[in-house]
Amino acid sequence: MEVTRVTVDEVRARLDRGEPLAIVDARSADAWSTATSRIPGAIRVPPDDVAAHVAEIPRDRAVITYCT
């Protein structure tokens, strides 16, 4: 598995090309609960409970993780 940093513009371009992506929202509970925006379809994986949510993350596509 290769881990790289991508920009918002790069993610947008990949989505615009129709590339299948899994978006993982790994913000802390406080950041998530007070957020004014969320990405539709993102998989919520709290950073302190990753093991309980690993099965929810697709393995057949690139995974984009974001946090604060």
Protein backbone atom coordinates (compact mmCIF):
# COMPACT_ATOMS: atom_id res chain seq x y z
CA MET A 1 0.00 0.00 0.00
CA GLU A 2 1.27 3.42 -0.96
CA VAL A 3 0.46 6.43 1.19
CA THR A 4 0.60 9.86 -0.42
CA ARG A 5 -0.68 13.30 0.44
CA VAL A 6 -3.23 14.77 -1.98
CA THR A 7 -4.81 18.19 -2.26
CA VAL A 8 -8.51 18.98 -2.39
CA ASP A 9 -8.07 19.90 -6.06
CA GLU A 10 -6.49 16.52 -6.81
CA VAL A 11 -9.35 14.68 -5.11
CA ARG A 12 -11.89 16.78 -7.03
CA ALA A 13 -10.14 15.99 -10.33
CA ARG A 14 -10.15 12.27 -9.55
CA LEU A 15 -13.86 12.39 -8.68
CA ASP A 16 -14.60 14.39 -11.85
CA ARG A 17 -12.85 11.67 -13.90
CA GLY A 18 -15.15 9.11 -12.28
CA GLU A 19 -12.36 7.39 -10.37
CA PRO A 20 -13.82 5.23 -7.61
CA LEU A 21 -12.69 6.57 -4.24
CA ALA A 22 -13.55 5.77 -0.65
CA ILE A 23 -13.62 8.93 1.46
CA VAL A 24 -12.94 8.35 5.17
CA ASP A 25 -13.78 11.08 7.68
CA ALA A 26 -11.34 10.56 10.54
CA ARG A 27 -12.00 13.77 12.45
CA SER A 28 -12.14 13.65 16.22
CA ALA A 29 -15.57 13.39 17.85
CA ASP A 30 -15.44 17.08 18.85
CA ALA A 31 -14.41 18.26 15.38
CA TRP A 32 -17.01 16.04 13.70
CA SER A 33 -19.88 17.11 15.95
CA THR A 34 -19.19 20.82 15.45
CA ALA A 35 -18.43 20.62 11.73
CA THR A 36 -20.46 22.85 9.46
CA SER A 37 -19.82 20.65 6.44
CA ARG A 38 -19.45 16.97 5.69
CA ILE A 39 -18.62 15.09 2.51
CA PRO A 40 -21.68 13.15 1.30
CA GLY A 41 -21.01 9.42 1.26
CA ALA A 42 -17.93 9.66 3.46
CA ILE A 43 -17.37 6.79 5.88
CA ARG A 44 -17.13 8.01 9.46
CA VAL A 45 -14.20 6.35 11.28
CA PRO A 46 -13.40 7.93 14.64
CA PRO A 47 -9.60 8.03 15.10
CA ASP A 48 -9.82 6.38 18.53
CA ASP A 49 -11.94 3.48 17.21
CA VAL A 50 -10.39 2.52 13.85
CA ALA A 51 -10.25 -1.22 14.61
CA ALA A 52 -14.04 -1.36 15.01
CA HIS A 53 -14.59 0.24 11.59
CA VAL A 54 -11.89 -1.35 9.40
CA ALA A 55 -14.39 -3.67 7.72
CA GLU A 56 -16.39 -0.64 6.50
CA ILE A 57 -13.51 0.65 4.36
CA PRO A 58 -13.59 -0.72 0.80
CA ARG A 59 -10.44 -2.44 -0.38
CA ASP A 60 -11.18 -2.21 -4.09
CA ARG A 61 -10.42 1.48 -4.53
CA ALA A 62 -8.15 4.27 -3.36
CA VAL A 63 -8.94 5.52 0.14
CA ILE A 64 -8.86 9.25 0.86
CA THR A 65 -8.71 10.02 4.58
CA TYR A 66 -9.23 13.47 6.00
CA CYS A 67 -9.07 14.88 9.51
CA THR A 68 -8.46 18.12 11.36
